[in-house]
C-alpha atoms as a PDB file:
ATOM      1  CA  MET A   1      -9.634 -10.810   2.892  1.00  0.00           C
ATOM      2  CA  THR A   2      -6.150 -12.140   3.382  1.00  0.00           C
ATOM      3  CA  ILE A   3      -3.325  -9.965   4.540  1.00  0.00           C
ATOM      4  CA  ASN A   4       0.157 -11.560   4.694  1.00  0.00           C
ATOM      5  CA  LEU A   5       2.303  -9.589   7.011  1.00  0.00           C
ATOM      6  CA  GLU A   6       5.954 -10.393   7.038  1.00  0.00           C
ATOM      7  CA  GLU A   7       8.167  -8.514   9.655  1.00  0.00           C
ATOM      8  CA  GLU A   8      11.579  -9.080   8.212  1.00  0.00           C
ATOM      9  CA  TYR A   9      12.693  -6.178  10.551  1.00  0.00           C
ATOM     10  CA  GLN A  10      11.720  -5.712  14.126  1.00  0.00           C
ATOM     11  CA  LEU A  11      11.269  -2.155  15.196  1.00  0.00           C
ATOM     12  CA  GLU A  12       8.915  -1.392  18.163  1.00  0.00           C
ATOM     13  CA  LEU A  13       6.871   1.551  17.487  1.00  0.00           C
ATOM     14  CA  GLY A  14       4.107   0.873  19.936  1.00  0.00           C
ATOM     15  CA  ILE A  15       1.478   0.266  17.188  1.00  0.00           C
ATOM     16  CA  SER A  16      -0.302  -2.792  15.886  1.00  0.00           C
ATOM     17  CA  TYR A  17       1.126  -3.238  12.327  1.00  0.00           C
ATOM     18  CA  GLU A  18      -1.453  -5.837  11.518  1.00  0.00           C
ATOM     19  CA  LYS A  19      -4.606  -4.072  12.958  1.00  0.00           C
ATOM     20  CA  ILE A  20      -3.705  -0.833  11.188  1.00  0.00           C
ATOM     21  CA  ALA A  21      -2.980  -2.543   7.918  1.00  0.00           C
ATOM     22  CA  GLN A  22      -6.292  -4.397   8.070  1.00  0.00           C
ATOM     23  CA  LYS A  23      -8.345  -1.238   8.685  1.00  0.00           C
ATOM     24  CA  VAL A  24      -6.543   0.859   6.082  1.00  0.00           C
ATOM     25  CA  ILE A  25      -6.595  -1.872   3.456  1.00  0.00           C
ATOM     26  CA  ASN A  26     -10.365  -2.542   4.207  1.00  0.00           C
ATOM     27  CA  GLY A  27     -10.890   1.185   4.066  1.00  0.00           C
ATOM     28  CA  ALA A  28      -9.169   1.534   0.768  1.00  0.00           C
ATOM     29  CA  LEU A  29     -10.979  -1.255  -0.787  1.00  0.00           C
ATOM     30  CA  ASP A  30     -14.341   0.035   0.403  1.00  0.00           C
ATOM     31  CA  TYR A  31     -13.499   3.611  -0.772  1.00  0.00           C
ATOM     32  CA  GLN A  32     -12.732   2.245  -4.208  1.00  0.00           C
ATOM     33  CA  GLU A  33     -15.683  -0.087  -4.097  1.00  0.00           C
ATOM     34  CA  CYS A  34     -13.722  -3.114  -4.957  1.00  0.00           C
ATOM     35  CA  PRO A  35     -16.133  -6.040  -5.758  1.00  0.00           C
ATOM     36  CA  TYR A  36     -13.700  -8.810  -4.638  1.00  0.00           C
ATOM     37  CA  GLU A  37     -12.212 -10.234  -1.646  1.00  0.00           C
ATOM     38  CA  CYS A  38      -8.533  -9.528  -1.823  1.00  0.00           C
ATOM     39  CA  GLU A  39      -5.162 -10.720  -0.867  1.00  0.00           C
ATOM     40  CA  VAL A  40      -2.421  -8.189  -0.029  1.00  0.00           C
ATOM     41  CA  ASN A  41       1.209  -8.860   1.047  1.00  0.00           C
ATOM     42  CA  ILE A  42       2.928  -6.538   3.391  1.00  0.00           C
ATOM     43  CA  ILE A  43       6.611  -6.774   4.150  1.00  0.00           C
ATOM     44  CA  LEU A  44       8.153  -4.600   6.773  1.00  0.00           C
ATOM     45  CA  VAL A  45      11.844  -3.935   6.276  1.00  0.00           C
ATOM     46  CA  ASP A  46      14.705  -1.531   7.336  1.00  0.00           C
ATOM     47  CA  ASN A  47      16.233   1.197   5.260  1.00  0.00           C
ATOM     48  CA  GLN A  48      19.114  -1.003   4.033  1.00  0.00           C
ATOM     49  CA  GLU A  49      16.708  -3.689   2.620  1.00  0.00           C
ATOM     50  CA  ILE A  50      14.285  -1.206   0.942  1.00  0.00           C
ATOM     51  CA  HIS A  51      17.470   0.702  -0.533  1.00  0.00           C
ATOM     52  CA  ARG A  52      18.597  -2.790  -1.991  1.00  0.00           C
ATOM     53  CA  ILE A  53      15.133  -3.397  -3.437  1.00  0.00           C
ATOM     54  CA  ASN A  54      14.676   0.224  -4.744  1.00  0.00           C
ATOM     55  CA  MET A  55      18.169  -0.185  -6.462  1.00  0.00           C
ATOM     56  CA  GLU A  56      17.385  -3.624  -7.961  1.00  0.00           C
ATOM     57  CA  CYS A  57      13.801  -2.758  -9.115  1.00  0.00           C
ATOM     58  CA  ARG A  58      13.848   0.866 -10.029  1.00  0.00           C
ATOM     59  CA  GLU A  59      17.653   1.600 -10.356  1.00  0.00           C
ATOM     60  CA  ILE A  60      17.187   4.398  -7.646  1.00  0.00           C
ATOM     61  CA  ASP A  61      20.184   4.341  -5.308  1.00  0.00           C
ATOM     62  CA  ARG A  62      18.547   5.370  -2.016  1.00  0.00           C
ATOM     63  CA  PRO A  63      16.085   4.068   0.546  1.00  0.00           C
ATOM     64  CA  THR A  64      12.521   5.037   0.060  1.00  0.00           C
ATOM     65  CA  ASP A  65       9.503   4.771   2.568  1.00  0.00           C
ATOM     66  CA  VAL A  66       7.296   2.353   0.406  1.00  0.00           C
ATOM     67  CA  LEU A  67       7.373   0.295  -2.580  1.00  0.00           C
ATOM     68  CA  SER A  68       4.341  -1.062  -4.270  1.00  0.00           C
ATOM     69  CA  PHE A  69       4.170  -4.113  -6.644  1.00  0.00           C
ATOM     70  CA  PRO A  70       0.809  -4.468  -8.164  1.00  0.00           C
ATOM     71  CA  MET A  71      -0.160  -7.813  -9.590  1.00  0.00           C
ATOM     72  CA  ALA A  72      -2.868  -6.415 -12.110  1.00  0.00           C
ATOM     73  CA  GLU A  73      -2.785  -3.906 -14.769  1.00  0.00           C
ATOM     74  CA  TYR A  74      -5.659  -1.517 -15.015  1.00  0.00           C
ATOM     75  CA  GLU A  75      -7.061   0.029 -18.120  1.00  0.00           C
ATOM     76  CA  LYS A  76      -8.375   2.805 -15.974  1.00  0.00           C
ATOM     77  CA  PRO A  77      -7.218   3.263 -12.257  1.00  0.00           C
ATOM     78  CA  GLY A  78      -9.582   1.501  -9.699  1.00  0.00           C
ATOM     79  CA  ASP A  79     -11.731  -0.106 -12.614  1.00  0.00           C
ATOM     80  CA  PHE A  80     -11.958  -3.818 -11.552  1.00  0.00           C
ATOM     81  CA  SER A  81     -14.658  -4.698 -14.283  1.00  0.00           C
ATOM     82  CA  LEU A  82     -12.460  -6.477 -16.751  1.00  0.00           C
ATOM     83  CA  LEU A  83      -9.985  -8.091 -14.453  1.00  0.00           C
ATOM     84  CA  GLU A  84     -11.658 -11.533 -14.222  1.00  0.00           C
ATOM     85  CA  GLN A  85     -11.973 -11.977 -18.024  1.00  0.00           C
ATOM     86  CA  GLU A  86      -8.798 -10.326 -19.071  1.00  0.00           C
ATOM     87  CA  GLN A  87      -6.381 -11.231 -16.028  1.00  0.00           C
ATOM     88  CA  PRO A  88      -7.556 -14.389 -14.496  1.00  0.00           C
ATOM     89  CA  GLU A  89      -3.957 -15.002 -13.176  1.00  0.00           C
ATOM     90  CA  CYS A  90      -4.562 -12.285 -10.705  1.00  0.00           C
ATOM     91  CA  PHE A  91      -7.008 -14.476  -8.780  1.00  0.00           C
ATOM     92  CA  HIS A  92      -5.860 -16.939  -6.337  1.00  0.00           C
ATOM     93  CA  PRO A  93      -6.701 -20.424  -7.621  1.00  0.00           C
ATOM     94  CA  GLU A  94      -7.764 -21.927  -4.268  1.00  0.00           C
ATOM     95  CA  THR A  95      -9.379 -18.826  -2.575  1.00  0.00           C
ATOM     96  CA  GLY A  96     -10.686 -16.860  -5.511  1.00  0.00           C
ATOM     97  CA  GLU A  97      -9.333 -13.675  -3.957  1.00  0.00           C
ATOM     98  CA  LEU A  98      -7.884 -10.877  -6.041  1.00  0.00           C
ATOM     99  CA  MET A  99      -4.133 -10.908  -5.516  1.00  0.00           C
ATOM    100  CA  LEU A 100      -3.565  -7.058  -5.336  1.00  0.00           C
ATOM    101  CA  GLY A 101       0.222  -7.301  -4.882  1.00  0.00           C
ATOM    102  CA  ASP A 102       3.017  -6.474  -2.495  1.00  0.00           C
ATOM    103  CA  ILE A 103       3.562  -3.460  -0.202  1.00  0.00           C
ATOM    104  CA  ILE A 104       7.196  -3.095   1.213  1.00  0.00           C
ATOM    105  CA  ILE A 105       7.420  -0.626   4.010  1.00  0.00           C
ATOM    106  CA  SER A 106      10.657   0.665   5.636  1.00  0.00           C
ATOM    107  CA  LEU A 107       9.809   0.979   9.411  1.00  0.00           C
ATOM    108  CA  ASP A 108      12.974   3.253   9.786  1.00  0.00           C
ATOM    109  CA  LYS A 109      11.110   5.552   7.399  1.00  0.00           C
ATOM    110  CA  VAL A 110       7.957   5.335   9.253  1.00  0.00           C
ATOM    111  CA  LYS A 111       9.598   6.406  12.450  1.00  0.00           C
ATOM    112  CA  GLU A 112      11.700   9.168  10.799  1.00  0.00           C
ATOM    113  CA  GLN A 113       9.008  10.622   8.675  1.00  0.00           C
ATOM    114  CA  ALA A 114       6.442  10.690  11.598  1.00  0.00           C
ATOM    115  CA  GLU A 115       8.849  12.544  13.695  1.00  0.00           C
ATOM    116  CA  ASN A 116       9.868  14.919  10.948  1.00  0.00           C
ATOM    117  CA  TYR A 117       6.120  15.701  10.101  1.00  0.00           C
ATOM    118  CA  GLY A 118       5.095  15.833  13.778  1.00  0.00           C
ATOM    119  CA  HIS A 119       2.423  13.200  13.605  1.00  0.00           C
ATOM    120  CA  SER A 120       2.046   9.728  15.023  1.00  0.00           C
ATOM    121  CA  TYR A 121       3.493   6.472  13.925  1.00  0.00           C
ATOM    122  CA  THR A 122       0.037   5.173  13.264  1.00  0.00           C
ATOM    123  CA  ARG A 123      -0.781   7.951  10.866  1.00  0.00           C
ATOM    124  CA  GLU A 124       2.520   7.643   9.023  1.00  0.00           C
ATOM    125  CA  TYR A 125       2.287   3.886   8.705  1.00  0.00           C
ATOM    126  CA  ALA A 126      -1.468   4.161   7.670  1.00  0.00           C
ATOM    127  CA  PHE A 127      -0.518   6.903   5.177  1.00  0.00           C
ATOM    128  CA  LEU A 128       2.074   4.697   3.486  1.00  0.00           C
ATOM    129  CA  ILE A 129      -0.526   1.796   3.273  1.00  0.00           C
ATOM    130  CA  ALA A 130      -3.230   3.951   1.823  1.00  0.00           C
ATOM    131  CA  HIS A 131      -0.796   5.308  -0.731  1.00  0.00           C
ATOM    132  CA  SER A 132       0.450   1.998  -1.724  1.00  0.00           C
ATOM    133  CA  MET A 133      -3.007   0.513  -1.902  1.00  0.00           C
ATOM    134  CA  LEU A 134      -4.021   3.164  -4.519  1.00  0.00           C
ATOM    135  CA  HIS A 135      -0.832   2.073  -6.595  1.00  0.00           C
ATOM    136  CA  LEU A 136      -1.979  -1.567  -6.310  1.00  0.00           C
ATOM    137  CA  MET A 137      -5.337  -0.538  -7.780  1.00  0.00           C
ATOM    138  CA  GLY A 138      -3.724   1.277 -10.587  1.00  0.00           C
ATOM    139  CA  TYR A 139      -3.262   4.902  -9.567  1.00  0.00           C
ATOM    140  CA  ASP A 140       0.039   6.705 -10.006  1.00  0.00           C
ATOM    141  CA  HIS A 141       1.480  10.162  -9.559  1.00  0.00           C
ATOM    142  CA  MET A 142       3.954  10.342 -12.455  1.00  0.00           C
ATOM    143  CA  VAL A 143       2.139  13.620 -13.878  1.00  0.00           C
ATOM    144  CA  LYS A 144       0.676  16.417 -11.879  1.00  0.00           C
ATOM    145  CA  GLU A 145      -2.971  15.607 -12.768  1.00  0.00           C
ATOM    146  CA  GLU A 146      -2.629  11.907 -11.559  1.00  0.00           C
ATOM    147  CA  GLU A 147      -0.842  13.077  -8.534  1.00  0.00           C
ATOM    148  CA  VAL A 148      -3.713  15.437  -7.521  1.00  0.00           C
ATOM    149  CA  VAL A 149      -6.217  12.639  -7.945  1.00  0.00           C
ATOM    150  CA  MET A 150      -4.072  10.067  -6.003  1.00  0.00           C
ATOM    151  CA  PHE A 151      -3.239  12.326  -3.213  1.00  0.00           C
ATOM    152  CA  GLN A 152      -6.754  13.540  -2.687  1.00  0.00           C
ATOM    153  CA  LYS A 153      -8.002   9.878  -2.642  1.00  0.00           C
ATOM    154  CA  GLN A 154      -5.392   8.869   0.002  1.00  0.00           C
ATOM    155  CA  GLU A 155      -6.363  11.641   2.319  1.00  0.00           C
ATOM    156  CA  GLU A 156     -10.036  10.902   1.818  1.00  0.00           C
ATOM    157  CA  ILE A 157      -9.438   7.333   2.821  1.00  0.00           C
ATOM    158  CA  LEU A 158      -7.512   8.379   6.014  1.00  0.00           C
ATOM    159  CA  LYS A 159     -10.223  11.006   6.783  1.00  0.00           C
ATOM    160  CA  GLN A 160     -12.996   8.310   6.488  1.00  0.00           C
ATOM    161  CA  LEU A 161     -10.988   6.061   8.972  1.00  0.00           C
ATOM    162  CA  ASP A 162     -10.525   8.945  11.330  1.00  0.00           C
ATOM    163  CA  ILE A 163      -6.613   8.719  10.916  1.00  0.00           C
ATOM    164  CA  THR A 164      -5.515  12.332  10.985  1.00  0.00           C
ATOM    165  CA  ARG A 165      -2.410  14.313  11.579  1.00  0.00           C
END
């Protein structure tokens, strides 16, 4: 597995961004029984940068906590069975890894939301990665039924990793 972590913004929260990302990404892939080695890009930014990206890509004029940009499209969320034959461009030509996509996280929001919810920075950062990994595997929460499924899965991933509130 390849995790490309770019720290475009430095905010010291006393946690290992890389170790937590690796643990949660591996946990999410195992939970979803992904049959491939994967590549994931994580970009850590501030509120100003995520606001700019949110406006540019989604036309939403405010900062958000996390943005997900999946590489693949799934017929059914979490179903990897047709990717190789229908979307070969999603596989890295040199490593053969499935390029899942990009996760952009506002470290300002990690800090703010952890403090607002009364849990650790580790829990908030891990939650945002688990949430985003599910997006990268085709899950969404645009309608209530999808939201229930996705939110249950992200909590189960974190519980299996013993990352609780």
